[in-house]
N, C-alpha and C. Protein backbone atom coordinates (compact mmCIF):
# COMPACT_ATOMS: atom_id res chain seq x y z
N UNK A 1 -30.69 10.74 -9.74
CA UNK A 1 -29.51 11.43 -10.18
C UNK A 1 -28.61 10.45 -10.94
N UNK A 2 -28.03 10.89 -12.04
CA UNK A 2 -27.16 10.06 -12.88
C UNK A 2 -25.71 10.49 -12.75
N UNK A 3 -24.82 9.52 -12.88
CA UNK A 3 -23.38 9.78 -12.91
C UNK A 3 -22.88 9.38 -14.29
N UNK A 4 -22.31 10.35 -15.01
CA UNK A 4 -21.89 10.14 -16.39
C UNK A 4 -20.39 10.35 -16.51
N UNK A 5 -19.75 9.47 -17.27
CA UNK A 5 -18.35 9.66 -17.64
C UNK A 5 -18.36 10.43 -18.95
N UNK A 6 -18.09 11.73 -18.89
CA UNK A 6 -18.13 12.56 -20.10
C UNK A 6 -17.01 12.19 -21.07
N UNK A 7 -15.87 11.80 -20.55
CA UNK A 7 -14.74 11.46 -21.40
C UNK A 7 -15.06 10.26 -22.29
N UNK A 8 -15.70 9.26 -21.73
CA UNK A 8 -16.00 8.02 -22.47
C UNK A 8 -17.45 7.99 -22.98
N UNK A 9 -18.24 9.01 -22.63
CA UNK A 9 -19.64 9.09 -23.03
C UNK A 9 -20.41 7.84 -22.60
N UNK A 10 -20.27 7.49 -21.31
CA UNK A 10 -20.95 6.33 -20.75
C UNK A 10 -21.64 6.70 -19.45
N UNK A 11 -22.65 5.95 -19.10
CA UNK A 11 -23.36 6.16 -17.83
C UNK A 11 -22.78 5.18 -16.81
N UNK A 12 -22.28 5.72 -15.70
CA UNK A 12 -21.75 4.88 -14.63
C UNK A 12 -22.84 4.40 -13.70
N UNK A 13 -23.83 5.27 -13.43
CA UNK A 13 -24.91 4.92 -12.51
C UNK A 13 -26.14 5.79 -12.77
N UNK A 14 -27.30 5.18 -12.56
CA UNK A 14 -28.58 5.90 -12.70
C UNK A 14 -29.16 6.28 -11.34
N UNK A 15 -28.74 5.59 -10.30
CA UNK A 15 -29.27 5.78 -8.96
C UNK A 15 -28.11 6.14 -8.02
N UNK A 16 -27.89 7.44 -7.83
CA UNK A 16 -26.75 7.92 -7.07
C UNK A 16 -27.21 8.48 -5.73
N UNK A 17 -26.58 7.99 -4.66
CA UNK A 17 -26.84 8.48 -3.31
C UNK A 17 -25.64 9.29 -2.85
N UNK A 18 -25.88 10.49 -2.33
CA UNK A 18 -24.78 11.33 -1.85
C UNK A 18 -24.74 11.28 -0.33
N UNK A 19 -23.63 10.79 0.19
CA UNK A 19 -23.41 10.71 1.64
C UNK A 19 -22.56 11.92 2.03
N UNK A 20 -23.24 12.97 2.49
CA UNK A 20 -22.55 14.22 2.76
C UNK A 20 -22.67 14.69 4.21
N UNK A 21 -22.99 13.77 5.10
CA UNK A 21 -22.97 14.05 6.53
C UNK A 21 -22.06 13.01 7.19
N UNK A 22 -21.52 13.32 8.36
CA UNK A 22 -20.64 12.33 9.01
C UNK A 22 -21.30 10.96 9.17
N UNK A 23 -22.55 10.92 9.61
CA UNK A 23 -23.23 9.63 9.81
C UNK A 23 -23.38 8.88 8.49
N UNK A 24 -23.83 9.57 7.45
CA UNK A 24 -24.03 8.91 6.15
C UNK A 24 -22.71 8.39 5.59
N UNK A 25 -21.62 9.15 5.77
CA UNK A 25 -20.31 8.70 5.28
C UNK A 25 -19.83 7.48 6.06
N UNK A 26 -20.01 7.49 7.38
CA UNK A 26 -19.59 6.34 8.19
C UNK A 26 -20.39 5.10 7.81
N UNK A 27 -21.68 5.26 7.64
CA UNK A 27 -22.55 4.13 7.28
C UNK A 27 -22.20 3.60 5.90
N UNK A 28 -22.12 4.50 4.91
CA UNK A 28 -21.78 4.09 3.55
C UNK A 28 -22.52 2.84 3.12
N UNK A 29 -21.79 1.81 2.75
CA UNK A 29 -22.38 0.54 2.31
C UNK A 29 -22.38 -0.52 3.39
N UNK A 30 -21.96 -0.16 4.60
CA UNK A 30 -21.91 -1.14 5.69
C UNK A 30 -23.30 -1.71 5.94
N UNK A 31 -23.38 -3.02 6.02
CA UNK A 31 -24.63 -3.69 6.30
C UNK A 31 -25.47 -3.99 5.06
N UNK A 32 -25.08 -3.44 3.92
CA UNK A 32 -25.83 -3.71 2.69
C UNK A 32 -25.52 -5.12 2.19
N UNK A 33 -26.54 -5.79 1.69
CA UNK A 33 -26.38 -7.15 1.18
C UNK A 33 -26.12 -7.18 -0.32
N UNK A 34 -26.61 -6.18 -1.04
CA UNK A 34 -26.42 -6.11 -2.49
C UNK A 34 -26.11 -4.67 -2.89
N UNK A 35 -25.44 -4.55 -4.01
CA UNK A 35 -25.14 -3.26 -4.61
C UNK A 35 -25.50 -3.43 -6.08
N UNK A 36 -26.63 -2.88 -6.48
CA UNK A 36 -27.15 -3.09 -7.83
C UNK A 36 -26.29 -2.41 -8.89
N UNK A 37 -26.26 -2.96 -10.11
CA UNK A 37 -25.38 -2.43 -11.17
C UNK A 37 -25.60 -0.96 -11.51
N UNK A 38 -26.79 -0.43 -11.27
CA UNK A 38 -27.06 0.96 -11.63
C UNK A 38 -26.90 1.92 -10.44
N UNK A 39 -26.37 1.45 -9.33
CA UNK A 39 -26.25 2.28 -8.13
C UNK A 39 -24.83 2.80 -7.95
N UNK A 40 -24.74 3.92 -7.20
CA UNK A 40 -23.45 4.48 -6.79
C UNK A 40 -23.67 5.27 -5.52
N UNK A 41 -22.62 5.39 -4.72
CA UNK A 41 -22.66 6.24 -3.54
C UNK A 41 -21.46 7.19 -3.63
N UNK A 42 -21.72 8.45 -3.35
CA UNK A 42 -20.67 9.46 -3.35
C UNK A 42 -20.44 9.89 -1.91
N UNK A 43 -19.21 9.71 -1.43
CA UNK A 43 -18.82 10.13 -0.09
C UNK A 43 -18.17 11.50 -0.22
N UNK A 44 -18.81 12.51 0.38
CA UNK A 44 -18.36 13.89 0.19
C UNK A 44 -18.37 14.64 1.51
N UNK A 45 -17.21 15.10 2.00
CA UNK A 45 -15.87 14.96 1.46
C UNK A 45 -15.25 13.62 1.86
N UNK A 46 -14.23 13.20 1.10
CA UNK A 46 -13.56 11.94 1.40
C UNK A 46 -12.31 11.79 0.52
N UNK A 47 -11.23 11.25 1.10
CA UNK A 47 -10.04 10.98 0.30
C UNK A 47 -9.39 9.63 0.64
N UNK A 48 -10.09 8.82 1.43
CA UNK A 48 -9.62 7.48 1.78
C UNK A 48 -10.83 6.67 2.24
N UNK A 49 -10.82 5.37 1.97
CA UNK A 49 -11.95 4.52 2.37
C UNK A 49 -11.45 3.19 2.93
N UNK A 50 -12.37 2.49 3.58
CA UNK A 50 -12.09 1.12 4.02
C UNK A 50 -13.28 0.26 3.64
N UNK A 51 -13.05 -1.04 3.59
CA UNK A 51 -14.13 -1.97 3.27
C UNK A 51 -14.28 -3.02 4.38
N UNK A 52 -13.90 -2.64 5.60
CA UNK A 52 -14.08 -3.55 6.72
C UNK A 52 -15.57 -3.83 6.92
N UNK A 53 -15.90 -5.07 7.20
CA UNK A 53 -17.27 -5.52 7.47
C UNK A 53 -18.19 -5.47 6.25
N UNK A 54 -17.63 -5.25 5.06
CA UNK A 54 -18.46 -5.28 3.85
C UNK A 54 -18.53 -6.71 3.34
N UNK A 55 -19.58 -7.00 2.59
CA UNK A 55 -19.85 -8.36 2.12
C UNK A 55 -19.42 -8.61 0.68
N UNK A 56 -18.97 -7.57 -0.01
CA UNK A 56 -18.66 -7.72 -1.43
C UNK A 56 -17.59 -6.71 -1.84
N UNK A 57 -16.92 -7.00 -2.95
CA UNK A 57 -15.94 -6.08 -3.53
C UNK A 57 -16.67 -4.92 -4.20
N UNK A 58 -16.00 -3.79 -4.32
CA UNK A 58 -16.56 -2.61 -4.99
C UNK A 58 -15.50 -1.97 -5.87
N UNK A 59 -15.94 -1.18 -6.84
CA UNK A 59 -15.06 -0.32 -7.60
C UNK A 59 -15.05 1.04 -6.92
N UNK A 60 -13.89 1.68 -6.88
CA UNK A 60 -13.75 2.96 -6.19
C UNK A 60 -13.11 3.98 -7.12
N UNK A 61 -13.70 5.18 -7.13
CA UNK A 61 -13.13 6.32 -7.85
C UNK A 61 -12.84 7.43 -6.85
N UNK A 62 -11.63 7.92 -6.85
CA UNK A 62 -11.26 9.10 -6.09
C UNK A 62 -11.30 10.25 -7.09
N UNK A 63 -12.11 11.28 -6.79
CA UNK A 63 -12.28 12.39 -7.72
C UNK A 63 -11.97 13.71 -7.04
N UNK A 64 -11.56 14.70 -7.84
CA UNK A 64 -11.28 16.02 -7.29
C UNK A 64 -12.57 16.83 -7.19
N UNK A 65 -12.45 18.09 -6.82
CA UNK A 65 -13.64 18.93 -6.61
C UNK A 65 -14.45 19.15 -7.88
N UNK A 66 -13.82 18.96 -9.04
CA UNK A 66 -14.51 19.13 -10.32
C UNK A 66 -14.95 17.79 -10.93
N UNK A 67 -14.89 16.72 -10.15
CA UNK A 67 -15.28 15.37 -10.58
C UNK A 67 -14.35 14.80 -11.67
N UNK A 68 -13.10 15.19 -11.64
CA UNK A 68 -12.09 14.56 -12.51
C UNK A 68 -11.47 13.42 -11.71
N UNK A 69 -11.35 12.25 -12.34
CA UNK A 69 -10.87 11.06 -11.65
C UNK A 69 -9.37 11.20 -11.33
N UNK A 70 -9.05 11.10 -10.05
CA UNK A 70 -7.67 11.13 -9.56
C UNK A 70 -7.08 9.72 -9.59
N UNK A 71 -7.88 8.75 -9.13
CA UNK A 71 -7.43 7.37 -9.05
C UNK A 71 -8.64 6.45 -9.17
N UNK A 72 -8.48 5.35 -9.90
CA UNK A 72 -9.52 4.33 -10.03
C UNK A 72 -9.00 3.03 -9.45
N UNK A 73 -9.79 2.43 -8.54
CA UNK A 73 -9.42 1.16 -7.92
C UNK A 73 -10.52 0.13 -8.21
N UNK A 74 -10.33 -0.70 -9.22
CA UNK A 74 -11.35 -1.70 -9.54
C UNK A 74 -11.31 -2.88 -8.57
N UNK A 75 -12.48 -3.44 -8.32
CA UNK A 75 -12.64 -4.66 -7.52
C UNK A 75 -11.85 -4.62 -6.21
N UNK A 76 -12.10 -3.59 -5.43
CA UNK A 76 -11.47 -3.41 -4.12
C UNK A 76 -12.15 -4.37 -3.14
N UNK A 77 -11.41 -5.31 -2.63
CA UNK A 77 -11.94 -6.41 -1.81
C UNK A 77 -12.40 -5.95 -0.43
N UNK A 78 -13.28 -6.73 0.21
CA UNK A 78 -13.66 -6.45 1.59
C UNK A 78 -12.45 -6.54 2.53
N UNK A 79 -12.57 -5.85 3.65
CA UNK A 79 -11.57 -5.86 4.73
C UNK A 79 -10.22 -5.28 4.32
N UNK A 80 -10.28 -4.22 3.55
CA UNK A 80 -9.07 -3.49 3.15
C UNK A 80 -9.23 -2.01 3.44
N UNK A 81 -8.11 -1.30 3.40
CA UNK A 81 -8.13 0.15 3.55
C UNK A 81 -7.31 0.75 2.42
N UNK A 82 -7.82 1.82 1.84
CA UNK A 82 -7.09 2.47 0.76
C UNK A 82 -6.05 3.42 1.35
N UNK A 83 -5.14 3.82 0.52
CA UNK A 83 -4.24 4.89 0.93
C UNK A 83 -5.00 6.21 0.84
N UNK A 84 -4.41 7.27 1.31
CA UNK A 84 -5.02 8.60 1.21
C UNK A 84 -4.61 9.21 -0.12
N UNK A 85 -5.58 9.71 -0.85
CA UNK A 85 -5.33 10.42 -2.11
C UNK A 85 -5.57 11.90 -1.84
N UNK A 86 -4.49 12.63 -1.61
CA UNK A 86 -4.56 14.01 -1.14
C UNK A 86 -5.27 14.94 -2.12
N UNK A 87 -5.25 14.64 -3.41
CA UNK A 87 -5.90 15.49 -4.40
C UNK A 87 -7.37 15.14 -4.62
N UNK A 88 -7.84 14.15 -3.88
CA UNK A 88 -9.24 13.73 -3.98
C UNK A 88 -10.08 14.50 -2.96
N UNK A 89 -11.25 14.94 -3.39
CA UNK A 89 -12.16 15.59 -2.46
C UNK A 89 -13.43 14.76 -2.23
N UNK A 90 -13.65 13.76 -3.11
CA UNK A 90 -14.81 12.88 -3.00
C UNK A 90 -14.41 11.47 -3.41
N UNK A 91 -15.18 10.50 -2.93
CA UNK A 91 -15.01 9.11 -3.35
C UNK A 91 -16.33 8.62 -3.89
N UNK A 92 -16.26 7.93 -5.02
CA UNK A 92 -17.45 7.33 -5.62
C UNK A 92 -17.28 5.82 -5.55
N UNK A 93 -18.25 5.16 -4.93
CA UNK A 93 -18.25 3.70 -4.84
C UNK A 93 -19.29 3.14 -5.80
N UNK A 94 -18.86 2.15 -6.56
CA UNK A 94 -19.70 1.52 -7.58
C UNK A 94 -19.63 0.01 -7.44
N UNK A 95 -20.60 -0.70 -7.99
CA UNK A 95 -20.52 -2.17 -7.96
C UNK A 95 -19.26 -2.66 -8.68
N UNK A 96 -18.66 -3.71 -8.17
CA UNK A 96 -17.46 -4.28 -8.78
C UNK A 96 -17.72 -4.63 -10.24
N UNK A 97 -16.79 -4.25 -11.10
CA UNK A 97 -16.91 -4.53 -12.52
C UNK A 97 -17.38 -3.34 -13.34
N UNK A 98 -17.94 -2.34 -12.69
CA UNK A 98 -18.49 -1.19 -13.41
C UNK A 98 -17.39 -0.37 -14.10
N UNK A 99 -16.23 -0.23 -13.46
CA UNK A 99 -15.13 0.53 -14.07
C UNK A 99 -14.64 -0.16 -15.33
N UNK A 100 -14.51 -1.48 -15.27
CA UNK A 100 -14.07 -2.24 -16.43
C UNK A 100 -15.10 -2.16 -17.56
N UNK A 101 -16.36 -2.28 -17.20
CA UNK A 101 -17.43 -2.24 -18.19
C UNK A 101 -17.48 -0.90 -18.94
N UNK A 102 -17.22 0.19 -18.23
CA UNK A 102 -17.30 1.53 -18.82
C UNK A 102 -15.94 2.08 -19.22
N UNK A 103 -14.87 1.31 -18.97
CA UNK A 103 -13.50 1.73 -19.27
C UNK A 103 -13.15 3.06 -18.57
N UNK A 104 -13.65 3.25 -17.37
CA UNK A 104 -13.38 4.47 -16.61
C UNK A 104 -12.01 4.36 -15.95
N UNK A 105 -11.24 5.45 -16.05
CA UNK A 105 -9.88 5.44 -15.51
C UNK A 105 -9.46 6.84 -15.07
N UNK A 106 -8.27 6.93 -14.51
CA UNK A 106 -7.73 8.21 -14.05
C UNK A 106 -7.74 9.23 -15.20
N UNK A 107 -8.03 10.47 -14.84
CA UNK A 107 -8.09 11.63 -15.73
C UNK A 107 -9.41 11.75 -16.49
N UNK A 108 -10.31 10.78 -16.37
CA UNK A 108 -11.64 10.92 -16.99
C UNK A 108 -12.43 12.00 -16.27
N UNK A 109 -13.27 12.70 -17.01
CA UNK A 109 -14.12 13.74 -16.44
C UNK A 109 -15.52 13.18 -16.24
N UNK A 110 -16.01 13.28 -15.00
CA UNK A 110 -17.35 12.79 -14.66
C UNK A 110 -18.30 13.97 -14.45
N UNK A 111 -19.60 13.67 -14.50
CA UNK A 111 -20.62 14.69 -14.27
C UNK A 111 -21.85 14.06 -13.61
N UNK A 112 -22.42 14.80 -12.66
CA UNK A 112 -23.70 14.42 -12.05
C UNK A 112 -24.80 15.19 -12.78
N UNK A 113 -25.90 14.51 -13.09
CA UNK A 113 -27.02 15.19 -13.72
C UNK A 113 -28.33 14.66 -13.18
N UNK A 114 -29.37 15.47 -13.27
CA UNK A 114 -30.69 15.05 -12.81
C UNK A 114 -31.32 14.26 -13.88
């Protein structure tokens, strides 16, 4: 599954994992040693995240039900907690630097495709 930024006409990720059960959302990236540049994880539903016990920084996108970016948090460091974004229904986690590389920001429209 691919994640595309339609606004900027760029590919954010080619290998997208959807964490849509309580266990998958809790696990998320915990325990992972690497996060490859073409990977992403979508936490659904979700409007706040933490990076406790993670080994690396990540880029975070808070998106609404239509995959419009509510908030973009680049290079979110380990051992932090985000605020709650009430208008967000999902969170997309990407390798650190991916938002800068694709110039993805708030109000961009994203799309999932096969």
